[in-house]
Amino acid sequence: MMLEPVYAFARAHPDLLLGWKEIATALGHSERTVRRWWDDYGLPVRRFPRYVVLSRQHIDRWILGMDDLQRRLTADGISGRRGSGRPRRK
């Protein structure tokens, strides 16, 4: 059985998380929550025909960016709750 290039590449690089399940496990949340974060808050997941991929470095940068966004919203008196800022992806 021949591995698809994306799968083979991700398996050769331990920094990459392959699939919603691995990403959710790394973040300590459910797959549903992680998909919502991708949809609502721009979690930087790369989509391929059969896989999604995310690097641990991108997770760290995304979390730091979300922390910065929350500080700015709080300073402006805006709630950082769902639906209060960034438009949803479609």
PDB file of N, CA and C in Angstrom:
ATOM      1  N   MET A   1       0.846  -1.190   0.000  1.00  0.00           N
ATOM      2  CA  MET A   1       0.000   0.000   0.000  1.00  0.00           C
ATOM      3  C   MET A   1       0.883   1.242   0.000  1.00  0.00           C
ATOM      4  N   MET A   2       0.644   2.141  -0.924  1.00  0.00           N
ATOM      5  CA  MET A   2       1.426   3.365  -1.035  1.00  0.00           C
ATOM      6  C   MET A   2       0.774   4.474  -0.207  1.00  0.00           C
ATOM      7  N   LEU A   3       1.584   5.148   0.589  1.00  0.00           N
ATOM      8  CA  LEU A   3       1.069   6.239   1.405  1.00  0.00           C
ATOM      9  C   LEU A   3       0.895   7.489   0.558  1.00  0.00           C
ATOM     10  N   GLU A   4      -0.127   8.257   0.863  1.00  0.00           N
ATOM     11  CA  GLU A   4      -0.318   9.521   0.169  1.00  0.00           C
ATOM     12  C   GLU A   4       0.783  10.484   0.591  1.00  0.00           C
ATOM     13  N   PRO A   5       1.211  11.394  -0.307  1.00  0.00           N
ATOM     14  CA  PRO A   5       2.322  12.305   0.013  1.00  0.00           C
ATOM     15  C   PRO A   5       2.108  13.125   1.288  1.00  0.00           C
ATOM     16  N   VAL A   6       0.919  13.641   1.525  1.00  0.00           N
ATOM     17  CA  VAL A   6       0.666  14.453   2.720  1.00  0.00           C
ATOM     18  C   VAL A   6       0.845  13.605   3.970  1.00  0.00           C
ATOM     19  N   TYR A   7       0.299  12.399   3.949  1.00  0.00           N
ATOM     20  CA  TYR A   7       0.396  11.508   5.099  1.00  0.00           C
ATOM     21  C   TYR A   7       1.852  11.135   5.364  1.00  0.00           C
ATOM     22  N   ALA A   8       2.573  10.765   4.316  1.00  0.00           N
ATOM     23  CA  ALA A   8       3.973  10.379   4.467  1.00  0.00           C
ATOM     24  C   ALA A   8       4.807  11.552   4.986  1.00  0.00           C
ATOM     25  N   PHE A   9       4.571  12.747   4.474  1.00  0.00           N
ATOM     26  CA  PHE A   9       5.306  13.934   4.916  1.00  0.00           C
ATOM     27  C   PHE A   9       5.028  14.226   6.386  1.00  0.00           C
ATOM     28  N   ALA A  10       3.758  14.172   6.775  1.00  0.00           N
ATOM     29  CA  ALA A  10       3.389  14.466   8.163  1.00  0.00           C
ATOM     30  C   ALA A  10       3.990  13.444   9.119  1.00  0.00           C
ATOM     31  N   ARG A  11       4.026  12.196   8.725  1.00  0.00           N
ATOM     32  CA  ARG A  11       4.595  11.163   9.587  1.00  0.00           C
ATOM     33  C   ARG A  11       6.113  11.312   9.707  1.00  0.00           C
ATOM     34  N   ALA A  12       6.753  11.912   8.721  1.00  0.00           N
ATOM     35  CA  ALA A  12       8.204  12.107   8.763  1.00  0.00           C
ATOM     36  C   ALA A  12       8.594  13.327   9.606  1.00  0.00           C
ATOM     37  N   HIS A  13       7.640  14.154   9.951  1.00  0.00           N
ATOM     38  CA  HIS A  13       7.887  15.378  10.727  1.00  0.00           C
ATOM     39  C   HIS A  13       7.056  15.339  12.008  1.00  0.00           C
ATOM     40  N   PRO A  14       7.672  14.979  13.130  1.00  0.00           N
ATOM     41  CA  PRO A  14       6.904  14.813  14.377  1.00  0.00           C
ATOM     42  C   PRO A  14       6.251  16.100  14.890  1.00  0.00           C
ATOM     43  N   ASP A  15       6.659  17.255  14.375  1.00  0.00           N
ATOM     44  CA  ASP A  15       6.049  18.524  14.783  1.00  0.00           C
ATOM     45  C   ASP A  15       4.644  18.685  14.190  1.00  0.00           C
ATOM     46  N   LEU A  16       4.326  17.904  13.160  1.00  0.00           N
ATOM     47  CA  LEU A  16       3.032  18.036  12.493  1.00  0.00           C
ATOM     48  C   LEU A  16       1.997  17.107  13.109  1.00  0.00           C
ATOM     49  N   LEU A  17       0.812  17.647  13.280  1.00  0.00           N
ATOM     50  CA  LEU A  17      -0.332  16.867  13.766  1.00  0.00           C
ATOM     51  C   LEU A  17      -1.217  16.584  12.562  1.00  0.00           C
ATOM     52  N   LEU A  18      -1.605  15.336  12.402  1.00  0.00           N
ATOM     53  CA  LEU A  18      -2.365  14.912  11.232  1.00  0.00           C
ATOM     54  C   LEU A  18      -3.762  14.487  11.651  1.00  0.00           C
ATOM     55  N   GLY A  19      -4.742  15.234  11.220  1.00  0.00           N
ATOM     56  CA  GLY A  19      -6.135  14.896  11.491  1.00  0.00           C
ATOM     57  C   GLY A  19      -6.699  15.619  12.705  1.00  0.00           C
ATOM     58  N   TRP A  20      -8.023  15.737  12.699  1.00  0.00           N
ATOM     59  CA  TRP A  20      -8.706  16.443  13.779  1.00  0.00           C
ATOM     60  C   TRP A  20      -8.467  15.781  15.127  1.00  0.00           C
ATOM     61  N   LYS A  21      -8.391  14.456  15.137  1.00  0.00           N
ATOM     62  CA  LYS A  21      -8.228  13.732  16.393  1.00  0.00           C
ATOM     63  C   LYS A  21      -6.876  14.053  17.042  1.00  0.00           C
ATOM     64  N   GLU A  22      -5.792  14.033  16.267  1.00  0.00           N
ATOM     65  CA  GLU A  22      -4.471  14.360  16.817  1.00  0.00           C
ATOM     66  C   GLU A  22      -4.408  15.807  17.278  1.00  0.00           C
ATOM     67  N   ILE A  23      -5.001  16.703  16.513  1.00  0.00           N
ATOM     68  CA  ILE A  23      -5.000  18.122  16.871  1.00  0.00           C
ATOM     69  C   ILE A  23      -5.776  18.326  18.174  1.00  0.00           C
ATOM     70  N   ALA A  24      -6.943  17.697  18.270  1.00  0.00           N
ATOM     71  CA  ALA A  24      -7.768  17.815  19.474  1.00  0.00           C
ATOM     72  C   ALA A  24      -7.035  17.261  20.693  1.00  0.00           C
ATOM     73  N   THR A  25      -6.375  16.125  20.536  1.00  0.00           N
ATOM     74  CA  THR A  25      -5.631  15.532  21.646  1.00  0.00           C
ATOM     75  C   THR A  25      -4.513  16.462  22.099  1.00  0.00           C
ATOM     76  N   ALA A  26      -3.795  17.056  21.161  1.00  0.00           N
ATOM     77  CA  ALA A  26      -2.699  17.968  21.501  1.00  0.00           C
ATOM     78  C   ALA A  26      -3.199  19.203  22.232  1.00  0.00           C
ATOM     79  N   LEU A  27      -4.396  19.665  21.877  1.00  0.00           N
ATOM     80  CA  LEU A  27      -4.958  20.857  22.519  1.00  0.00           C
ATOM     81  C   LEU A  27      -5.754  20.525  23.779  1.00  0.00           C
ATOM     82  N   GLY A  28      -6.030  19.245  23.995  1.00  0.00           N
ATOM     83  CA  GLY A  28      -6.758  18.842  25.198  1.00  0.00           C
ATOM     84  C   GLY A  28      -8.238  19.148  25.149  1.00  0.00           C
ATOM     85  N   HIS A  29      -8.813  19.170  23.940  1.00  0.00           N
ATOM     86  CA  HIS A  29     -10.240  19.439  23.765  1.00  0.00           C
ATOM     87  C   HIS A  29     -10.820  18.446  22.766  1.00  0.00           C
ATOM     88  N   SER A  30     -12.123  18.457  22.620  1.00  0.00           N
ATOM     89  CA  SER A  30     -12.782  17.529  21.704  1.00  0.00           C
ATOM     90  C   SER A  30     -12.556  17.956  20.252  1.00  0.00           C
ATOM     91  N   GLU A  31     -12.762  17.002  19.347  1.00  0.00           N
ATOM     92  CA  GLU A  31     -12.664  17.313  17.918  1.00  0.00           C
ATOM     93  C   GLU A  31     -13.677  18.389  17.533  1.00  0.00           C
ATOM     94  N   ARG A  32     -14.857  18.307  18.094  1.00  0.00           N
ATOM     95  CA  ARG A  32     -15.904  19.291  17.778  1.00  0.00           C
ATOM     96  C   ARG A  32     -15.468  20.706  18.175  1.00  0.00           C
ATOM     97  N   THR A  33     -14.870  20.822  19.358  1.00  0.00           N
ATOM     98  CA  THR A  33     -14.402  22.135  19.818  1.00  0.00           C
ATOM     99  C   THR A  33     -13.301  22.662  18.903  1.00  0.00           C
ATOM    100  N   VAL A  34     -12.363  21.805  18.535  1.00  0.00           N
ATOM    101  CA  VAL A  34     -11.254  22.218  17.675  1.00  0.00           C
ATOM    102  C   VAL A  34     -11.769  22.644  16.302  1.00  0.00           C
ATOM    103  N   ARG A  35     -12.740  21.922  15.767  1.00  0.00           N
ATOM    104  CA  ARG A  35     -13.338  22.327  14.482  1.00  0.00           C
ATOM    105  C   ARG A  35     -14.039  23.678  14.610  1.00  0.00           C
ATOM    106  N   ARG A  36     -14.684  23.910  15.748  1.00  0.00           N
ATOM    107  CA  ARG A  36     -15.335  25.205  15.968  1.00  0.00           C
ATOM    108  C   ARG A  36     -14.302  26.322  16.032  1.00  0.00           C
ATOM    109  N   TRP A  37     -13.168  26.058  16.703  1.00  0.00           N
ATOM    110  CA  TRP A  37     -12.095  27.057  16.760  1.00  0.00           C
ATOM    111  C   TRP A  37     -11.567  27.360  15.367  1.00  0.00           C
ATOM    112  N   TRP A  38     -11.466  26.347  14.524  1.00  0.00           N
ATOM    113  CA  TRP A  38     -11.025  26.575  13.146  1.00  0.00           C
ATOM    114  C   TRP A  38     -12.042  27.453  12.418  1.00  0.00           C
ATOM    115  N   ASP A  39     -13.321  27.125  12.601  1.00  0.00           N
ATOM    116  CA  ASP A  39     -14.386  27.842  11.913  1.00  0.00           C
ATOM    117  C   ASP A  39     -14.577  29.263  12.449  1.00  0.00           C
ATOM    118  N   ASP A  40     -14.615  29.416  13.759  1.00  0.00           N
ATOM    119  CA  ASP A  40     -14.930  30.709  14.366  1.00  0.00           C
ATOM    120  C   ASP A  40     -13.716  31.601  14.598  1.00  0.00           C
ATOM    121  N   TYR A  41     -12.583  31.006  14.952  1.00  0.00           N
ATOM    122  CA  TYR A  41     -11.444  31.794  15.405  1.00  0.00           C
ATOM    123  C   TYR A  41     -10.190  31.634  14.559  1.00  0.00           C
ATOM    124  N   GLY A  42     -10.297  30.942  13.443  1.00  0.00           N
ATOM    125  CA  GLY A  42      -9.179  30.876  12.515  1.00  0.00           C
ATOM    126  C   GLY A  42      -8.011  30.008  12.941  1.00  0.00           C
ATOM    127  N   LEU A  43      -8.263  28.909  13.648  1.00  0.00           N
ATOM    128  CA  LEU A  43      -7.186  27.971  13.954  1.00  0.00           C
ATOM    129  C   LEU A  43      -6.520  27.613  12.629  1.00  0.00           C
ATOM    130  N   PRO A  44      -5.196  27.813  12.500  1.00  0.00           N
ATOM    131  CA  PRO A  44      -4.529  27.719  11.185  1.00  0.00           C
ATOM    132  C   PRO A  44      -4.295  26.293  10.691  1.00  0.00           C
ATOM    133  N   VAL A  45      -5.372  25.587  10.434  1.00  0.00           N
ATOM    134  CA  VAL A  45      -5.304  24.210   9.941  1.00  0.00           C
ATOM    135  C   VAL A  45      -5.156  24.231   8.422  1.00  0.00           C
ATOM    136  N   ARG A  46      -4.261  23.408   7.909  1.00  0.00           N
ATOM    137  CA  ARG A  46      -4.098  23.255   6.458  1.00  0.00           C
ATOM    138  C   ARG A  46      -4.969  22.090   6.017  1.00  0.00           C
ATOM    139  N   ARG A  47      -5.827  22.319   5.039  1.00  0.00           N
ATOM    140  CA  ARG A  47      -6.740  21.268   4.577  1.00  0.00           C
ATOM    141  C   ARG A  47      -6.227  20.666   3.273  1.00  0.00           C
ATOM    142  N   PHE A  48      -6.274  19.351   3.227  1.00  0.00           N
ATOM    143  CA  PHE A  48      -5.951  18.597   2.031  1.00  0.00           C
ATOM    144  C   PHE A  48      -7.154  17.714   1.739  1.00  0.00           C
ATOM    145  N   PRO A  49      -7.214  17.085   0.556  1.00  0.00           N
ATOM    146  CA  PRO A  49      -8.418  16.306   0.222  1.00  0.00           C
ATOM    147  C   PRO A  49      -8.846  15.285   1.282  1.00  0.00           C
ATOM    148  N   ARG A  50      -7.917  14.582   1.893  1.00  0.00           N
ATOM    149  CA  ARG A  50      -8.313  13.573   2.878  1.00  0.00           C
ATOM    150  C   ARG A  50      -7.803  13.853   4.281  1.00  0.00           C
ATOM    151  N   TYR A  51      -7.044  14.912   4.466  1.00  0.00           N
ATOM    152  CA  TYR A  51      -6.401  15.170   5.752  1.00  0.00           C
ATOM    153  C   TYR A  51      -6.456  16.651   6.114  1.00  0.00           C
ATOM    154  N   VAL A  52      -6.314  16.913   7.392  1.00  0.00           N
ATOM    155  CA  VAL A  52      -6.011  18.258   7.880  1.00  0.00           C
ATOM    156  C   VAL A  52      -4.701  18.147   8.642  1.00  0.00           C
ATOM    157  N   VAL A  53      -3.878  19.185   8.559  1.00  0.00           N
ATOM    158  CA  VAL A  53      -2.554  19.175   9.170  1.00  0.00           C
ATOM    159  C   VAL A  53      -2.351  20.490   9.910  1.00  0.00           C
ATOM    160  N   LEU A  54      -1.693  20.408  11.061  1.00  0.00           N
ATOM    161  CA  LEU A  54      -1.367  21.600  11.840  1.00  0.00           C
ATOM    162  C   LEU A  54      -0.058  21.359  12.572  1.00  0.00           C
ATOM    163  N   SER A  55       0.832  22.342  12.544  1.00  0.00           N
ATOM    164  CA  SER A  55       2.098  22.187  13.267  1.00  0.00           C
ATOM    165  C   SER A  55       1.955  22.732  14.685  1.00  0.00           C
ATOM    166  N   ARG A  56       2.756  22.195  15.562  1.00  0.00           N
ATOM    167  CA  ARG A  56       2.742  22.652  16.956  1.00  0.00           C
ATOM    168  C   ARG A  56       3.158  24.122  17.050  1.00  0.00           C
ATOM    169  N   GLN A  57       4.066  24.561  16.186  1.00  0.00           N
ATOM    170  CA  GLN A  57       4.482  25.967  16.179  1.00  0.00           C
ATOM    171  C   GLN A  57       3.306  26.874  15.824  1.00  0.00           C
ATOM    172  N   HIS A  58       2.486  26.459  14.854  1.00  0.00           N
ATOM    173  CA  HIS A  58       1.329  27.265  14.487  1.00  0.00           C
ATOM    174  C   HIS A  58       0.308  27.331  15.623  1.00  0.00           C
ATOM    175  N   ILE A  59       0.180  26.240  16.366  1.00  0.00           N
ATOM    176  CA  ILE A  59      -0.713  26.258  17.533  1.00  0.00           C
ATOM    177  C   ILE A  59      -0.230  27.303  18.535  1.00  0.00           C
ATOM    178  N   ASP A  60       1.074  27.282  18.833  1.00  0.00           N
ATOM    179  CA  ASP A  60       1.629  28.237  19.796  1.00  0.00           C
ATOM    180  C   ASP A  60       1.402  29.677  19.350  1.00  0.00           C
ATOM    181  N   ARG A  61       1.668  29.963  18.074  1.00  0.00           N
ATOM    182  CA  ARG A  61       1.475  31.329  17.557  1.00  0.00           C
ATOM    183  C   ARG A  61       0.006  31.729  17.583  1.00  0.00           C
ATOM    184  N   TRP A  62      -0.880  30.785  17.247  1.00  0.00           N
ATOM    185  CA  TRP A  62      -2.316  31.076  17.248  1.00  0.00           C
ATOM    186  C   TRP A  62      -2.798  31.396  18.661  1.00  0.00           C
ATOM    187  N   ILE A  63      -2.345  30.613  19.641  1.00  0.00           N
ATOM    188  CA  ILE A  63      -2.741  30.855  21.031  1.00  0.00           C
ATOM    189  C   ILE A  63      -2.249  32.219  21.496  1.00  0.00           C
ATOM    190  N   LEU A  64      -0.999  32.555  21.181  1.00  0.00           N
ATOM    191  CA  LEU A  64      -0.479  33.869  21.560  1.00  0.00           C
ATOM    192  C   LEU A  64      -1.277  34.985  20.897  1.00  0.00           C
ATOM    193  N   GLY A  65      -1.653  34.805  19.642  1.00  0.00           N
ATOM    194  CA  GLY A  65      -2.469  35.797  18.941  1.00  0.00           C
ATOM    195  C   GLY A  65      -3.847  35.939  19.565  1.00  0.00           C
ATOM    196  N   MET A  66      -4.442  34.817  19.988  1.00  0.00           N
ATOM    197  CA  MET A  66      -5.753  34.879  20.635  1.00  0.00           C
ATOM    198  C   MET A  66      -5.656  35.589  21.983  1.00  0.00           C
ATOM    199  N   ASP A  67      -4.563  35.344  22.719  1.00  0.00           N
ATOM    200  CA  ASP A  67      -4.361  36.040  23.993  1.00  0.00           C
ATOM    201  C   ASP A  67      -4.262  37.541  23.766  1.00  0.00           C
ATOM    202  N   ASP A  68      -3.521  37.932  22.718  1.00  0.00           N
ATOM    203  CA  ASP A  68      -3.373  39.349  22.398  1.00  0.00           C
ATOM    204  C   ASP A  68      -4.717  39.952  22.001  1.00  0.00           C
ATOM    205  N   LEU A  69      -5.494  39.232  21.204  1.00  0.00           N
ATOM    206  CA  LEU A  69      -6.814  39.708  20.804  1.00  0.00           C
ATOM    207  C   LEU A  69      -7.712  39.895  22.018  1.00  0.00           C
ATOM    208  N   GLN A  70      -7.697  38.933  22.930  1.00  0.00           N
ATOM    209  CA  GLN A  70      -8.522  39.026  24.144  1.00  0.00           C
ATOM    210  C   GLN A  70      -8.137  40.248  24.975  1.00  0.00           C
ATOM    211  N   ARG A  71      -6.832  40.513  25.111  1.00  0.00           N
ATOM    212  CA  ARG A  71      -6.386  41.699  25.865  1.00  0.00           C
ATOM    213  C   ARG A  71      -6.881  42.983  25.208  1.00  0.00           C
ATOM    214  N   ARG A  72      -6.790  43.060  23.868  1.00  0.00           N
ATOM    215  CA  ARG A  72      -7.247  44.269  23.171  1.00  0.00           C
ATOM    216  C   ARG A  72      -8.757  44.444  23.298  1.00  0.00           C
ATOM    217  N   LEU A  73      -9.507  43.359  23.178  1.00  0.00           N
ATOM    218  CA  LEU A  73     -10.957  43.456  23.304  1.00  0.00           C
ATOM    219  C   LEU A  73     -11.357  43.874  24.708  1.00  0.00           C
ATOM    220  N   THR A  74     -10.694  43.311  25.703  1.00  0.00           N
ATOM    221  CA  THR A  74     -10.988  43.656  27.095  1.00  0.00           C
ATOM    222  C   THR A  74     -10.653  45.120  27.358  1.00  0.00           C
ATOM    223  N   ALA A  75      -9.533  45.588  26.825  1.00  0.00           N
ATOM    224  CA  ALA A  75      -9.136  46.983  27.007  1.00  0.00           C
ATOM    225  C   ALA A  75     -10.151  47.929  26.361  1.00  0.00           C
ATOM    226  N   ASP A  76     -10.771  47.488  25.260  1.00  0.00           N
ATOM    227  CA  ASP A  76     -11.770  48.307  24.571  1.00  0.00           C
ATOM    228  C   ASP A  76     -13.170  48.133  25.147  1.00  0.00           C
ATOM    229  N   GLY A  77     -13.299  47.263  26.167  1.00  0.00           N
ATOM    230  CA  GLY A  77     -14.596  47.033  26.781  1.00  0.00           C
ATOM    231  C   GLY A  77     -15.502  46.128  25.971  1.00  0.00           C
ATOM    232  N   ILE A  78     -14.914  45.297  25.090  1.00  0.00           N
ATOM    233  CA  ILE A  78     -15.696  44.395  24.248  1.00  0.00           C
ATOM    234  C   ILE A  78     -15.514  42.982  24.767  1.00  0.00           C
ATOM    235  N   SER A  79     -16.597  42.246  24.825  1.00  0.00           N
ATOM    236  CA  SER A  79     -16.510  40.847  25.248  1.00  0.00           C
ATOM    237  C   SER A  79     -15.845  40.022  24.155  1.00  0.00           C
ATOM    238  N   GLY A  80     -14.984  39.108  24.550  1.00  0.00           N
ATOM    239  CA  GLY A  80     -14.324  38.231  23.592  1.00  0.00           C
ATOM    240  C   GLY A  80     -15.104  36.960  23.341  1.00  0.00           C
ATOM    241  N   ARG A  81     -16.367  36.953  23.653  1.00  0.00           N
ATOM    242  CA  ARG A  81     -17.166  35.742  23.488  1.00  0.00           C
ATOM    243  C   ARG A  81     -17.480  35.487  22.017  1.00  0.00           C
ATOM    244  N   ARG A  82     -17.892  34.262  21.751  1.00  0.00           N
ATOM    245  CA  ARG A  82     -18.194  33.812  20.400  1.00  0.00           C
ATOM    246  C   ARG A  82     -19.175  34.745  19.703  1.00  0.00           C
ATOM    247  N   GLY A  83     -18.847  35.064  18.460  1.00  0.00           N
ATOM    248  CA  GLY A  83     -19.744  35.880  17.661  1.00  0.00           C
ATOM    249  C   GLY A  83     -19.556  37.367  17.838  1.00  0.00           C
ATOM    250  N   SER A  84     -18.551  37.781  18.615  1.00  0.00           N
ATOM    251  CA  SER A  84     -18.428  39.207  18.880  1.00  0.00           C
ATOM    252  C   SER A  84     -17.388  39.899  18.011  1.00  0.00           C
ATOM    253  N   GLY A  85     -16.701  39.159  17.161  1.00  0.00           N
ATOM    254  CA  GLY A  85     -15.655  39.817  16.399  1.00  0.00           C
ATOM    255  C   GLY A  85     -15.471  39.248  15.017  1.00  0.00           C
ATOM    256  N   ARG A  86     -14.562  38.355  14.899  1.00  0.00           N
ATOM    257  CA  ARG A  86     -14.146  37.797  13.628  1.00  0.00           C
ATOM    258  C   ARG A  86     -15.309  37.110  12.898  1.00  0.00           C
ATOM    259  N   PRO A  87     -15.461  37.396  11.596  1.00  0.00           N
ATOM    260  CA  PRO A  87     -16.530  36.727  10.857  1.00  0.00           C
ATOM    261  C   PRO A  87     -16.261  35.230  10.728  1.00  0.00           C
ATOM    262  N   ARG A  88     -17.307  34.461  10.627  1.00  0.00           N
ATOM    263  CA  ARG A  88     -17.184  33.005  10.498  1.00  0.00           C
ATOM    264  C   ARG A  88     -16.675  32.625   9.124  1.00  0.00           C
ATOM    265  N   ARG A  89     -15.900  31.545   9.068  1.00  0.00           N
ATOM    266  CA  ARG A  89     -15.447  31.011   7.776  1.00  0.00           C
ATOM    267  C   ARG A  89     -16.581  30.254   7.128  1.00  0.00           C
ATOM    268  N   LYS A  90     -16.632  30.289   5.844  1.00  0.00           N
ATOM    269  CA  LYS A  90     -17.618  29.504   5.077  1.00  0.00           C
ATOM    270  C   LYS A  90     -16.958  28.806   3.946  1.00  0.00           C
TER     271      LYS A  90
END
